[in-house]
Every structure is written in structure tokens, then in C-alpha cells.
């Protein structure tokens, strides 16, 4: 059984280039065998706020102080989200580039689940990610082209680079990125990039 946590980070629904390619990857996985997909749409999910009770509960937990009822409720919601990450075999993220980075709703999810005893451990030897056995597939959509012949990716990419660093921190080293670029440069460029990305996705699933 392959268990996929599919994180949708685009609010564009069926018009999303990144979702189109990510779903082609998941469909290709289904053709190989039994797949269970847990879809987490950051625009539809009722993500809890990481506010006063969550933050004060975090420091209470670190110091060994019993949590209040309000703090406990906040951390129950965070642990429930983290369980979805831990129970998956693969994490697939479809994400558009916003202002060279990721949409704020995805950052919200990351801030919630990147917590001690949720997705990583911390002890005398330092940090230890809890998702070492996972594979991650990132489908990164960009309106323009980056890298050779395009914008300087090493200076302006805070999308793929950030997500890769975050996943590495959680213990994931089996990470594959599919880039869908030039989606703002007209139908011809967009369609060619979608076709290329879809072919990459199907090949990766195989």
C-alpha cells in the first residue's frame, strides 16, 4: 500500500498547472497498485492558528509545565496534522511560486507541523527528522523561466529551495522536483511546460 499525503497549495483548483502535474503523478501511481490518498488543500482545510495558546503551550511543553485546557486543544490539532505526515509513505506538494516563495497558506501549514515530537525530535545530539523513510515529490509552478536563459534561480528561488531544505530537516532525502515554468507567457509556452512536466511525473511514478 502506498499512502500519499497530497498537499495542494494553489487556490486555482482545476486551473492550477502544479495540481495538473501532481495529479498525473498520483494517477500513474494508482496504475501500479493500491494507493491511498489523503488530500490536504491548504485553502480548504481549517488550519488552526499558531497563536497565543499554541505558542504558550509549546514553551510549557518544552519546560515540562502542564498545559492548560486551551493549550491542550491547540496542540491536539497540531498533533493531528502531524500524524497525517507521519502516516504517509510519500508527500506530494503542488505549489505555485508567489513572490519568489510559497503561498502564505502553505507556510502556515509548515509552521504548524514543524514542531518537536510532531515531525522532528530534539535531544543531546541535536535535531532528528521523523520522516526518514518518506519520498517527496514537489511540483513547482512558476510564471516565468528560471535558470539558463531565464531569471537567476540561485538568487530568486525561495520556492523549491525552501521546500527542499524544510523536507531535509524533517529527515526526507528522497526528494524529486518537477518544474512547470513560463505559465504566464501564453498558451503555447504553458502547454509545452505542462506536457513536459506531465511526462516527467508519469516517468517518476513508474
N, C-alpha and C. Protein backbone atom coordinates (compact mmCIF):
# COMPACT_ATOMS: atom_id res chain seq x y z
N UNK A 1 0.85 -1.20 0.00
CA UNK A 1 0.00 0.00 0.00
C UNK A 1 0.88 1.25 0.00
N UNK A 2 0.64 2.12 -0.94
CA UNK A 2 1.31 3.41 -0.96
C UNK A 2 0.36 4.45 -0.38
N UNK A 3 0.80 5.13 0.66
CA UNK A 3 -0.02 6.16 1.30
C UNK A 3 0.56 7.54 0.94
N UNK A 4 -0.23 8.31 0.24
CA UNK A 4 0.21 9.62 -0.26
C UNK A 4 -0.49 10.73 0.50
N UNK A 5 0.29 11.65 1.04
CA UNK A 5 -0.27 12.90 1.54
C UNK A 5 -0.10 13.92 0.43
N UNK A 6 -1.21 14.32 -0.17
CA UNK A 6 -1.17 15.25 -1.30
C UNK A 6 -1.54 16.64 -0.79
N UNK A 7 -0.56 17.53 -0.77
CA UNK A 7 -0.76 18.90 -0.29
C UNK A 7 -0.97 19.82 -1.49
N UNK A 8 -2.15 20.37 -1.58
CA UNK A 8 -2.48 21.31 -2.66
C UNK A 8 -2.28 22.72 -2.13
N UNK A 9 -1.36 23.45 -2.74
CA UNK A 9 -1.05 24.79 -2.24
C UNK A 9 -1.48 25.89 -3.21
N UNK A 10 -2.20 25.52 -4.27
CA UNK A 10 -2.71 26.52 -5.21
C UNK A 10 -4.20 26.70 -5.00
N UNK A 11 -4.68 27.96 -4.99
CA UNK A 11 -6.12 28.19 -4.84
C UNK A 11 -6.86 28.13 -6.17
N UNK A 12 -6.18 27.77 -7.26
CA UNK A 12 -6.78 27.85 -8.60
C UNK A 12 -7.57 26.60 -8.99
N UNK A 13 -7.56 25.59 -8.15
CA UNK A 13 -8.36 24.40 -8.43
C UNK A 13 -7.96 23.74 -9.73
N UNK A 14 -8.94 23.46 -10.59
CA UNK A 14 -8.70 22.77 -11.85
C UNK A 14 -7.86 23.55 -12.83
N UNK A 15 -7.66 24.85 -12.60
CA UNK A 15 -6.83 25.66 -13.50
C UNK A 15 -5.37 25.67 -13.08
N UNK A 16 -5.05 25.00 -11.99
CA UNK A 16 -3.69 25.03 -11.46
C UNK A 16 -2.75 24.14 -12.27
N UNK A 17 -1.66 24.72 -12.75
CA UNK A 17 -0.66 23.96 -13.50
C UNK A 17 0.04 22.95 -12.61
N UNK A 18 0.38 23.36 -11.39
CA UNK A 18 1.08 22.44 -10.49
C UNK A 18 0.20 21.27 -10.09
N UNK A 19 -1.09 21.53 -9.85
CA UNK A 19 -2.02 20.45 -9.49
C UNK A 19 -2.21 19.48 -10.66
N UNK A 20 -2.26 20.00 -11.87
CA UNK A 20 -2.43 19.15 -13.06
C UNK A 20 -1.32 18.11 -13.12
N UNK A 21 -0.08 18.54 -12.90
CA UNK A 21 1.06 17.62 -13.00
C UNK A 21 1.12 16.71 -11.78
N UNK A 22 0.84 17.24 -10.59
CA UNK A 22 0.87 16.42 -9.38
C UNK A 22 -0.16 15.30 -9.47
N UNK A 23 -1.32 15.60 -10.00
CA UNK A 23 -2.37 14.59 -10.11
C UNK A 23 -2.05 13.56 -11.19
N UNK A 24 -1.28 13.97 -12.21
CA UNK A 24 -0.82 13.00 -13.20
C UNK A 24 0.14 12.00 -12.55
N UNK A 25 0.96 12.49 -11.62
CA UNK A 25 1.87 11.60 -10.88
C UNK A 25 1.07 10.62 -10.03
N UNK A 26 0.07 11.11 -9.31
CA UNK A 26 -0.72 10.25 -8.44
C UNK A 26 -1.52 9.24 -9.26
N UNK A 27 -2.07 9.68 -10.38
CA UNK A 27 -2.82 8.76 -11.25
C UNK A 27 -1.90 7.64 -11.77
N UNK A 28 -0.66 8.00 -12.11
CA UNK A 28 0.29 6.99 -12.58
C UNK A 28 0.65 6.02 -11.47
N UNK A 29 0.73 6.50 -10.23
CA UNK A 29 0.96 5.61 -9.09
C UNK A 29 -0.19 4.61 -8.94
N UNK A 30 -1.40 5.10 -9.12
CA UNK A 30 -2.57 4.23 -8.96
C UNK A 30 -2.54 3.08 -9.97
N UNK A 31 -2.00 3.32 -11.13
CA UNK A 31 -1.93 2.28 -12.16
C UNK A 31 -0.95 1.18 -11.78
N UNK A 32 -0.04 1.48 -10.85
CA UNK A 32 0.95 0.50 -10.42
C UNK A 32 0.43 -0.40 -9.31
N UNK A 33 -0.52 0.09 -8.52
CA UNK A 33 -1.00 -0.71 -7.40
C UNK A 33 -1.90 0.10 -6.50
N UNK A 34 -2.15 -0.42 -5.32
CA UNK A 34 -3.10 0.20 -4.40
C UNK A 34 -2.49 1.47 -3.80
N UNK A 35 -3.23 2.56 -3.91
CA UNK A 35 -2.78 3.85 -3.40
C UNK A 35 -3.89 4.48 -2.57
N UNK A 36 -3.51 4.95 -1.41
CA UNK A 36 -4.45 5.68 -0.55
C UNK A 36 -3.99 7.13 -0.51
N UNK A 37 -4.87 8.06 -0.88
CA UNK A 37 -4.50 9.47 -0.97
C UNK A 37 -5.25 10.28 0.08
N UNK A 38 -4.49 10.99 0.88
CA UNK A 38 -5.03 11.93 1.86
C UNK A 38 -4.76 13.33 1.30
N UNK A 39 -5.81 14.01 0.83
CA UNK A 39 -5.63 15.33 0.22
C UNK A 39 -5.78 16.42 1.27
N UNK A 40 -4.77 17.27 1.35
CA UNK A 40 -4.77 18.38 2.29
C UNK A 40 -4.67 19.67 1.45
N UNK A 41 -5.81 20.26 1.18
CA UNK A 41 -5.87 21.52 0.42
C UNK A 41 -5.76 22.66 1.43
N UNK A 42 -4.65 23.38 1.39
CA UNK A 42 -4.42 24.40 2.42
C UNK A 42 -5.42 25.55 2.33
N UNK A 43 -6.13 25.66 1.20
CA UNK A 43 -7.12 26.72 1.05
C UNK A 43 -8.51 26.29 1.55
N UNK A 44 -8.70 24.99 1.70
CA UNK A 44 -9.98 24.47 2.17
C UNK A 44 -9.90 23.93 3.61
N UNK A 45 -8.72 23.50 4.01
CA UNK A 45 -8.52 22.94 5.35
C UNK A 45 -8.66 24.03 6.40
N UNK A 46 -9.32 23.71 7.49
CA UNK A 46 -9.46 24.65 8.60
C UNK A 46 -8.21 24.55 9.48
N UNK A 47 -7.15 25.20 9.02
CA UNK A 47 -5.87 25.13 9.74
C UNK A 47 -5.97 25.96 11.02
N UNK A 48 -5.58 25.39 12.16
CA UNK A 48 -5.65 26.15 13.40
C UNK A 48 -4.61 27.27 13.41
N UNK A 49 -4.93 28.32 14.11
CA UNK A 49 -3.98 29.43 14.24
C UNK A 49 -2.82 29.01 15.14
N UNK A 50 -1.62 29.46 14.79
CA UNK A 50 -0.50 29.27 15.70
C UNK A 50 -0.36 30.58 16.48
N UNK A 51 -1.23 30.72 17.47
CA UNK A 51 -1.35 31.98 18.18
C UNK A 51 -0.94 31.82 19.64
N UNK A 52 -1.51 32.63 20.51
CA UNK A 52 -1.12 32.63 21.91
C UNK A 52 -1.16 31.28 22.58
N UNK A 53 -2.31 30.57 22.58
CA UNK A 53 -2.38 29.27 23.26
C UNK A 53 -1.40 28.25 22.69
N UNK A 54 -1.26 28.21 21.36
CA UNK A 54 -0.32 27.25 20.75
C UNK A 54 1.11 27.58 21.14
N UNK A 55 1.46 28.86 21.07
CA UNK A 55 2.83 29.26 21.38
C UNK A 55 3.15 29.08 22.86
N UNK A 56 2.22 29.50 23.72
CA UNK A 56 2.47 29.33 25.15
C UNK A 56 2.50 27.85 25.52
N UNK A 57 1.66 27.04 24.84
CA UNK A 57 1.68 25.60 25.08
C UNK A 57 2.99 24.97 24.63
N UNK A 58 3.58 25.50 23.55
CA UNK A 58 4.86 24.99 23.09
C UNK A 58 5.93 25.17 24.16
N UNK A 59 6.01 26.37 24.71
CA UNK A 59 7.03 26.64 25.73
C UNK A 59 6.72 25.93 27.04
N UNK A 60 5.44 25.76 27.35
CA UNK A 60 5.08 24.99 28.54
C UNK A 60 5.55 23.54 28.38
N UNK A 61 5.31 22.98 27.21
CA UNK A 61 5.74 21.60 26.97
C UNK A 61 7.24 21.44 27.04
N UNK A 62 7.97 22.42 26.48
CA UNK A 62 9.44 22.34 26.50
C UNK A 62 9.99 22.43 27.92
N UNK A 63 9.28 23.15 28.78
CA UNK A 63 9.77 23.32 30.15
C UNK A 63 9.21 22.26 31.11
N UNK A 64 8.31 21.41 30.59
CA UNK A 64 7.72 20.37 31.43
C UNK A 64 6.56 20.85 32.27
N UNK A 65 6.01 22.03 31.95
CA UNK A 65 4.87 22.58 32.68
C UNK A 65 3.58 21.99 32.11
N UNK A 66 2.65 21.54 32.95
CA UNK A 66 1.37 21.01 32.44
C UNK A 66 0.65 22.06 31.59
N UNK A 67 0.04 21.61 30.50
CA UNK A 67 -0.68 22.51 29.61
C UNK A 67 -2.07 22.80 30.15
N UNK A 68 -2.54 23.99 29.86
CA UNK A 68 -3.92 24.34 30.20
C UNK A 68 -4.86 23.64 29.21
N UNK A 69 -6.15 23.70 29.49
CA UNK A 69 -7.13 23.09 28.60
C UNK A 69 -7.06 23.72 27.21
N UNK A 70 -6.92 25.05 27.16
CA UNK A 70 -6.85 25.76 25.87
C UNK A 70 -5.59 25.39 25.11
N UNK A 71 -4.47 25.29 25.82
CA UNK A 71 -3.21 24.89 25.19
C UNK A 71 -3.28 23.45 24.69
N UNK A 72 -3.89 22.59 25.48
CA UNK A 72 -4.03 21.19 25.07
C UNK A 72 -4.85 21.06 23.80
N UNK A 73 -5.93 21.83 23.69
CA UNK A 73 -6.77 21.79 22.49
C UNK A 73 -5.97 22.24 21.27
N UNK A 74 -5.15 23.29 21.44
CA UNK A 74 -4.35 23.80 20.32
C UNK A 74 -3.34 22.75 19.86
N UNK A 75 -2.72 22.08 20.80
CA UNK A 75 -1.69 21.10 20.44
C UNK A 75 -2.28 19.77 19.97
N UNK A 76 -3.49 19.45 20.37
CA UNK A 76 -4.16 18.28 19.82
C UNK A 76 -4.36 18.46 18.32
N UNK A 77 -4.78 19.65 17.90
CA UNK A 77 -4.98 19.93 16.48
C UNK A 77 -3.65 19.85 15.72
N UNK A 78 -2.58 20.34 16.31
CA UNK A 78 -1.26 20.30 15.66
C UNK A 78 -0.78 18.85 15.53
N UNK A 79 -0.94 18.07 16.57
CA UNK A 79 -0.53 16.66 16.50
C UNK A 79 -1.37 15.88 15.49
N UNK A 80 -2.64 16.22 15.35
CA UNK A 80 -3.48 15.55 14.36
C UNK A 80 -2.96 15.82 12.94
N UNK A 81 -2.54 17.05 12.67
CA UNK A 81 -1.95 17.36 11.37
C UNK A 81 -0.64 16.61 11.17
N UNK A 82 0.19 16.60 12.19
CA UNK A 82 1.48 15.91 12.09
C UNK A 82 1.32 14.43 11.85
N UNK A 83 0.28 13.82 12.40
CA UNK A 83 0.04 12.39 12.19
C UNK A 83 -0.19 12.09 10.72
N UNK A 84 -0.82 13.01 10.01
CA UNK A 84 -1.06 12.79 8.58
C UNK A 84 0.27 12.75 7.81
N UNK A 85 1.24 13.51 8.23
CA UNK A 85 2.56 13.47 7.62
C UNK A 85 3.25 12.16 7.95
N UNK A 86 3.22 11.76 9.21
CA UNK A 86 3.94 10.56 9.64
C UNK A 86 3.35 9.30 9.04
N UNK A 87 2.04 9.27 8.84
CA UNK A 87 1.39 8.06 8.34
C UNK A 87 1.53 7.87 6.83
N UNK A 88 2.00 8.89 6.13
CA UNK A 88 2.18 8.79 4.67
C UNK A 88 3.49 8.09 4.35
N UNK A 89 3.55 7.47 3.15
CA UNK A 89 4.81 6.99 2.59
C UNK A 89 5.44 8.05 1.70
N UNK A 90 4.55 8.81 1.05
CA UNK A 90 5.00 9.84 0.12
C UNK A 90 4.26 11.14 0.41
N UNK A 91 4.96 12.24 0.22
CA UNK A 91 4.35 13.56 0.34
C UNK A 91 4.48 14.23 -1.03
N UNK A 92 3.35 14.57 -1.62
CA UNK A 92 3.32 15.23 -2.92
C UNK A 92 2.78 16.64 -2.70
N UNK A 93 3.53 17.63 -3.15
CA UNK A 93 3.13 19.03 -2.96
C UNK A 93 3.03 19.72 -4.30
N UNK A 94 1.85 20.25 -4.61
CA UNK A 94 1.69 21.08 -5.80
C UNK A 94 1.69 22.53 -5.34
N UNK A 95 2.64 23.32 -5.85
CA UNK A 95 2.84 24.65 -5.29
C UNK A 95 3.21 25.67 -6.37
N UNK A 96 2.47 26.77 -6.43
CA UNK A 96 2.87 27.86 -7.31
C UNK A 96 3.91 28.74 -6.63
N UNK A 97 4.69 29.45 -7.42
CA UNK A 97 5.63 30.42 -6.87
C UNK A 97 4.92 31.76 -6.69
N UNK A 98 4.96 32.26 -5.47
CA UNK A 98 4.39 33.57 -5.18
C UNK A 98 5.52 34.46 -4.66
N UNK A 99 5.79 35.54 -5.37
CA UNK A 99 6.84 36.48 -4.94
C UNK A 99 8.14 35.76 -4.62
N UNK A 100 8.49 34.83 -5.51
CA UNK A 100 9.72 34.03 -5.43
C UNK A 100 9.69 33.00 -4.31
N UNK A 101 8.59 32.90 -3.57
CA UNK A 101 8.50 31.94 -2.48
C UNK A 101 7.25 31.08 -2.61
N UNK A 102 6.65 30.72 -1.47
CA UNK A 102 5.47 29.85 -1.46
C UNK A 102 4.27 30.62 -0.92
N UNK A 103 3.05 30.20 -1.27
CA UNK A 103 1.86 30.87 -0.74
C UNK A 103 1.80 30.83 0.79
N UNK A 104 1.24 31.89 1.35
CA UNK A 104 1.23 32.02 2.80
C UNK A 104 0.47 30.89 3.49
N UNK A 105 -0.51 30.31 2.83
CA UNK A 105 -1.26 29.22 3.44
C UNK A 105 -0.38 27.97 3.60
N UNK A 106 0.51 27.73 2.65
CA UNK A 106 1.44 26.60 2.78
C UNK A 106 2.42 26.88 3.91
N UNK A 107 2.90 28.11 4.00
CA UNK A 107 3.81 28.47 5.10
C UNK A 107 3.11 28.28 6.45
N UNK A 108 1.83 28.58 6.51
CA UNK A 108 1.05 28.37 7.73
C UNK A 108 1.08 26.89 8.13
N UNK A 109 0.83 26.01 7.16
CA UNK A 109 0.87 24.57 7.44
C UNK A 109 2.26 24.15 7.92
N UNK A 110 3.29 24.63 7.25
CA UNK A 110 4.66 24.27 7.62
C UNK A 110 4.96 24.71 9.05
N UNK A 111 4.54 25.92 9.40
CA UNK A 111 4.80 26.42 10.76
C UNK A 111 4.06 25.59 11.81
N UNK A 112 2.89 25.07 11.44
CA UNK A 112 2.14 24.25 12.40
C UNK A 112 2.81 22.91 12.65
N UNK A 113 3.23 22.22 11.59
CA UNK A 113 3.69 20.83 11.76
C UNK A 113 5.18 20.70 12.04
N UNK A 114 5.95 21.76 11.83
CA UNK A 114 7.39 21.66 12.08
C UNK A 114 7.63 21.93 13.56
N UNK A 115 7.33 20.94 14.35
CA UNK A 115 7.40 21.04 15.80
C UNK A 115 8.04 19.78 16.38
N UNK A 116 8.69 19.95 17.52
CA UNK A 116 9.29 18.83 18.25
C UNK A 116 8.22 17.79 18.59
N UNK A 117 8.56 16.54 18.36
CA UNK A 117 7.68 15.38 18.62
C UNK A 117 6.49 15.31 17.67
N UNK A 118 6.44 16.19 16.68
CA UNK A 118 5.40 16.14 15.65
C UNK A 118 6.01 15.64 14.34
N UNK A 119 7.08 16.31 13.89
CA UNK A 119 7.79 15.85 12.68
C UNK A 119 9.30 15.77 12.89
N UNK A 120 9.79 16.17 14.05
CA UNK A 120 11.21 16.00 14.34
C UNK A 120 11.40 15.83 15.85
N UNK A 121 12.54 15.25 16.18
CA UNK A 121 12.92 15.07 17.58
C UNK A 121 14.11 15.98 17.88
N UNK A 122 14.32 16.24 19.15
CA UNK A 122 15.47 17.05 19.55
C UNK A 122 16.03 16.49 20.85
N UNK A 123 17.31 16.20 20.83
CA UNK A 123 17.96 15.66 22.02
C UNK A 123 19.39 16.13 22.11
N UNK A 124 20.19 15.38 22.84
CA UNK A 124 21.59 15.78 23.06
C UNK A 124 22.39 15.85 21.76
N UNK A 125 22.01 15.04 20.79
CA UNK A 125 22.74 15.03 19.52
C UNK A 125 22.19 16.04 18.52
N UNK A 126 21.16 16.79 18.90
CA UNK A 126 20.60 17.81 18.02
C UNK A 126 19.28 17.39 17.41
N UNK A 127 18.98 17.93 16.24
CA UNK A 127 17.70 17.67 15.56
C UNK A 127 17.73 16.33 14.84
N UNK A 128 16.58 15.67 14.80
CA UNK A 128 16.47 14.38 14.13
C UNK A 128 15.08 14.29 13.49
N UNK A 129 15.04 14.37 12.16
CA UNK A 129 13.77 14.32 11.45
C UNK A 129 13.08 12.97 11.60
N UNK A 130 11.77 12.98 11.65
CA UNK A 130 10.99 11.77 11.89
C UNK A 130 10.46 11.12 10.61
N UNK A 131 10.78 11.71 9.44
CA UNK A 131 10.19 11.22 8.19
C UNK A 131 11.25 10.64 7.25
N UNK A 132 12.24 9.96 7.81
CA UNK A 132 13.37 9.47 7.01
C UNK A 132 12.97 8.46 5.93
N UNK A 133 11.91 7.73 6.12
CA UNK A 133 11.52 6.69 5.16
C UNK A 133 10.62 7.23 4.04
N UNK A 134 10.33 8.51 4.06
CA UNK A 134 9.39 9.09 3.10
C UNK A 134 10.06 9.48 1.78
N UNK A 135 9.25 9.50 0.74
CA UNK A 135 9.63 10.13 -0.53
C UNK A 135 8.81 11.40 -0.65
N UNK A 136 9.40 12.44 -1.26
CA UNK A 136 8.66 13.67 -1.51
C UNK A 136 8.76 14.03 -2.99
N UNK A 137 7.65 14.48 -3.53
CA UNK A 137 7.60 14.96 -4.91
C UNK A 137 7.06 16.38 -4.87
N UNK A 138 7.85 17.32 -5.38
CA UNK A 138 7.45 18.72 -5.44
C UNK A 138 7.15 19.08 -6.88
N UNK A 139 5.96 19.59 -7.12
CA UNK A 139 5.63 20.13 -8.44
C UNK A 139 5.56 21.64 -8.28
N UNK A 140 6.58 22.31 -8.80
CA UNK A 140 6.75 23.76 -8.61
C UNK A 140 6.39 24.50 -9.88
N UNK A 141 5.31 25.28 -9.84
CA UNK A 141 4.91 26.08 -10.99
C UNK A 141 5.46 27.49 -10.84
N UNK A 142 5.94 28.03 -11.97
CA UNK A 142 6.46 29.39 -11.98
C UNK A 142 5.93 30.11 -13.22
N UNK A 143 5.61 31.39 -13.08
CA UNK A 143 5.08 32.13 -14.20
C UNK A 143 6.11 32.42 -15.28
N UNK A 144 7.38 32.52 -14.88
CA UNK A 144 8.47 32.82 -15.81
C UNK A 144 9.46 31.67 -15.81
N UNK A 145 10.51 31.82 -16.62
CA UNK A 145 11.54 30.80 -16.69
C UNK A 145 12.71 31.15 -15.78
N UNK A 146 13.31 30.13 -15.18
CA UNK A 146 14.44 30.33 -14.27
C UNK A 146 15.60 29.45 -14.72
N UNK A 147 16.80 29.85 -14.30
CA UNK A 147 17.97 29.06 -14.69
C UNK A 147 18.53 29.55 -16.00
N UNK A 148 19.13 28.65 -16.76
CA UNK A 148 19.80 29.02 -18.00
C UNK A 148 18.82 29.69 -18.97
N UNK A 149 19.16 30.91 -19.40
CA UNK A 149 18.32 31.66 -20.31
C UNK A 149 17.16 32.37 -19.66
N UNK A 150 17.02 32.26 -18.37
CA UNK A 150 15.90 32.89 -17.66
C UNK A 150 16.40 33.70 -16.48
N UNK A 151 15.53 33.87 -15.50
CA UNK A 151 15.90 34.60 -14.29
C UNK A 151 16.89 33.79 -13.45
N UNK A 152 17.72 34.46 -12.65
CA UNK A 152 18.73 33.73 -11.86
C UNK A 152 18.10 32.91 -10.73
N UNK A 153 18.01 31.60 -10.94
CA UNK A 153 17.36 30.73 -9.97
C UNK A 153 18.08 30.73 -8.63
N UNK A 154 19.41 30.81 -8.66
CA UNK A 154 20.17 30.75 -7.41
C UNK A 154 19.91 31.97 -6.53
N UNK A 155 19.43 33.07 -7.12
CA UNK A 155 19.18 34.27 -6.34
C UNK A 155 17.70 34.50 -6.06
N UNK A 156 16.82 33.93 -6.87
CA UNK A 156 15.40 34.26 -6.75
C UNK A 156 14.49 33.08 -6.39
N UNK A 157 15.04 31.88 -6.30
CA UNK A 157 14.20 30.72 -5.98
C UNK A 157 14.14 30.49 -4.48
N UNK A 158 13.05 30.94 -3.87
CA UNK A 158 12.77 30.66 -2.46
C UNK A 158 11.53 29.76 -2.36
N UNK A 159 11.27 29.04 -3.44
CA UNK A 159 10.16 28.09 -3.53
C UNK A 159 10.72 26.68 -3.38
N UNK A 160 11.30 26.16 -4.44
CA UNK A 160 11.87 24.81 -4.40
C UNK A 160 13.00 24.70 -3.38
N UNK A 161 13.86 25.71 -3.33
CA UNK A 161 15.00 25.67 -2.40
C UNK A 161 14.51 25.61 -0.95
N UNK A 162 13.51 26.41 -0.63
CA UNK A 162 12.97 26.42 0.74
C UNK A 162 12.30 25.10 1.09
N UNK A 163 11.46 24.59 0.19
CA UNK A 163 10.76 23.34 0.47
C UNK A 163 11.73 22.17 0.58
N UNK A 164 12.76 22.16 -0.25
CA UNK A 164 13.75 21.09 -0.17
C UNK A 164 14.49 21.13 1.17
N UNK A 165 14.88 22.32 1.60
CA UNK A 165 15.56 22.46 2.89
C UNK A 165 14.65 22.03 4.04
N UNK A 166 13.38 22.41 3.96
CA UNK A 166 12.42 22.02 5.01
C UNK A 166 12.25 20.51 5.06
N UNK A 167 12.07 19.87 3.91
CA UNK A 167 11.90 18.42 3.88
C UNK A 167 13.15 17.71 4.37
N UNK A 168 14.32 18.22 4.01
CA UNK A 168 15.57 17.65 4.52
C UNK A 168 15.60 17.70 6.04
N UNK A 169 15.14 18.83 6.61
CA UNK A 169 15.10 18.98 8.06
C UNK A 169 14.21 17.92 8.71
N UNK A 170 13.14 17.54 8.01
CA UNK A 170 12.23 16.52 8.54
C UNK A 170 12.77 15.11 8.33
N UNK A 171 13.93 15.00 7.69
CA UNK A 171 14.56 13.69 7.51
C UNK A 171 14.42 13.12 6.11
N UNK A 172 13.73 13.82 5.21
CA UNK A 172 13.49 13.29 3.86
C UNK A 172 14.65 13.66 2.94
N UNK A 173 15.25 12.66 2.35
CA UNK A 173 16.33 12.89 1.37
C UNK A 173 15.93 12.44 -0.02
N UNK A 174 14.90 11.61 -0.13
CA UNK A 174 14.40 11.14 -1.42
C UNK A 174 13.39 12.17 -1.93
N UNK A 175 13.91 13.23 -2.56
CA UNK A 175 13.09 14.36 -2.99
C UNK A 175 13.25 14.55 -4.50
N UNK A 176 12.13 14.67 -5.19
CA UNK A 176 12.13 14.87 -6.64
C UNK A 176 11.33 16.13 -6.96
N UNK A 177 11.90 17.01 -7.77
CA UNK A 177 11.24 18.25 -8.14
C UNK A 177 10.92 18.26 -9.62
N UNK A 178 9.67 18.58 -9.94
CA UNK A 178 9.24 18.77 -11.32
C UNK A 178 8.85 20.25 -11.45
N UNK A 179 9.47 20.94 -12.39
CA UNK A 179 9.22 22.37 -12.56
C UNK A 179 8.34 22.62 -13.79
N UNK A 180 7.30 23.39 -13.58
CA UNK A 180 6.40 23.79 -14.66
C UNK A 180 6.55 25.30 -14.79
N UNK A 181 7.26 25.73 -15.81
CA UNK A 181 7.64 27.14 -15.91
C UNK A 181 6.95 27.84 -17.08
N UNK A 182 7.09 29.17 -17.08
CA UNK A 182 6.60 30.04 -18.17
C UNK A 182 5.09 29.95 -18.34
N UNK A 183 4.38 29.76 -17.23
CA UNK A 183 2.93 29.62 -17.32
C UNK A 183 2.24 30.95 -17.62
N UNK A 184 2.97 32.07 -17.52
CA UNK A 184 2.38 33.38 -17.80
C UNK A 184 2.73 33.88 -19.20
N UNK A 185 3.44 33.07 -19.97
CA UNK A 185 3.95 33.53 -21.26
C UNK A 185 3.10 33.06 -22.44
N UNK A 186 1.85 32.75 -22.19
CA UNK A 186 0.95 32.36 -23.27
C UNK A 186 0.69 30.88 -23.30
N UNK A 187 -0.37 30.50 -24.04
CA UNK A 187 -0.81 29.11 -24.07
C UNK A 187 0.25 28.17 -24.62
N UNK A 188 0.99 28.59 -25.64
CA UNK A 188 1.98 27.71 -26.26
C UNK A 188 3.06 27.31 -25.26
N UNK A 189 3.61 28.30 -24.57
CA UNK A 189 4.66 28.04 -23.57
C UNK A 189 4.09 27.22 -22.41
N UNK A 190 2.90 27.60 -21.95
CA UNK A 190 2.30 26.89 -20.81
C UNK A 190 2.01 25.44 -21.16
N UNK A 191 1.42 25.22 -22.32
CA UNK A 191 1.05 23.86 -22.71
C UNK A 191 2.29 22.98 -22.89
N UNK A 192 3.35 23.55 -23.44
CA UNK A 192 4.59 22.79 -23.63
C UNK A 192 5.18 22.41 -22.28
N UNK A 193 5.15 23.33 -21.32
CA UNK A 193 5.68 23.05 -19.99
C UNK A 193 4.82 22.01 -19.26
N UNK A 194 3.50 22.10 -19.42
CA UNK A 194 2.61 21.11 -18.81
C UNK A 194 2.85 19.72 -19.40
N UNK A 195 3.03 19.66 -20.71
CA UNK A 195 3.27 18.37 -21.35
C UNK A 195 4.58 17.75 -20.86
N UNK A 196 5.61 18.58 -20.78
CA UNK A 196 6.91 18.11 -20.29
C UNK A 196 6.81 17.66 -18.83
N UNK A 197 6.15 18.48 -18.00
CA UNK A 197 6.01 18.13 -16.59
C UNK A 197 5.21 16.87 -16.37
N UNK A 198 4.15 16.71 -17.15
CA UNK A 198 3.32 15.51 -17.03
C UNK A 198 4.12 14.26 -17.40
N UNK A 199 4.90 14.35 -18.46
CA UNK A 199 5.74 13.21 -18.87
C UNK A 199 6.75 12.87 -17.78
N UNK A 200 7.34 13.87 -17.16
CA UNK A 200 8.28 13.65 -16.05
C UNK A 200 7.57 12.96 -14.88
N UNK A 201 6.36 13.42 -14.58
CA UNK A 201 5.60 12.85 -13.47
C UNK A 201 5.28 11.39 -13.69
N UNK A 202 4.83 11.06 -14.88
CA UNK A 202 4.48 9.66 -15.19
C UNK A 202 5.72 8.78 -15.13
N UNK A 203 6.83 9.29 -15.67
CA UNK A 203 8.08 8.51 -15.65
C UNK A 203 8.56 8.31 -14.21
N UNK A 204 8.42 9.34 -13.38
CA UNK A 204 8.86 9.24 -11.99
C UNK A 204 8.02 8.20 -11.23
N UNK A 205 6.72 8.20 -11.47
CA UNK A 205 5.85 7.22 -10.81
C UNK A 205 6.19 5.80 -11.22
N UNK A 206 6.65 5.64 -12.45
CA UNK A 206 6.97 4.30 -12.95
C UNK A 206 8.30 3.81 -12.41
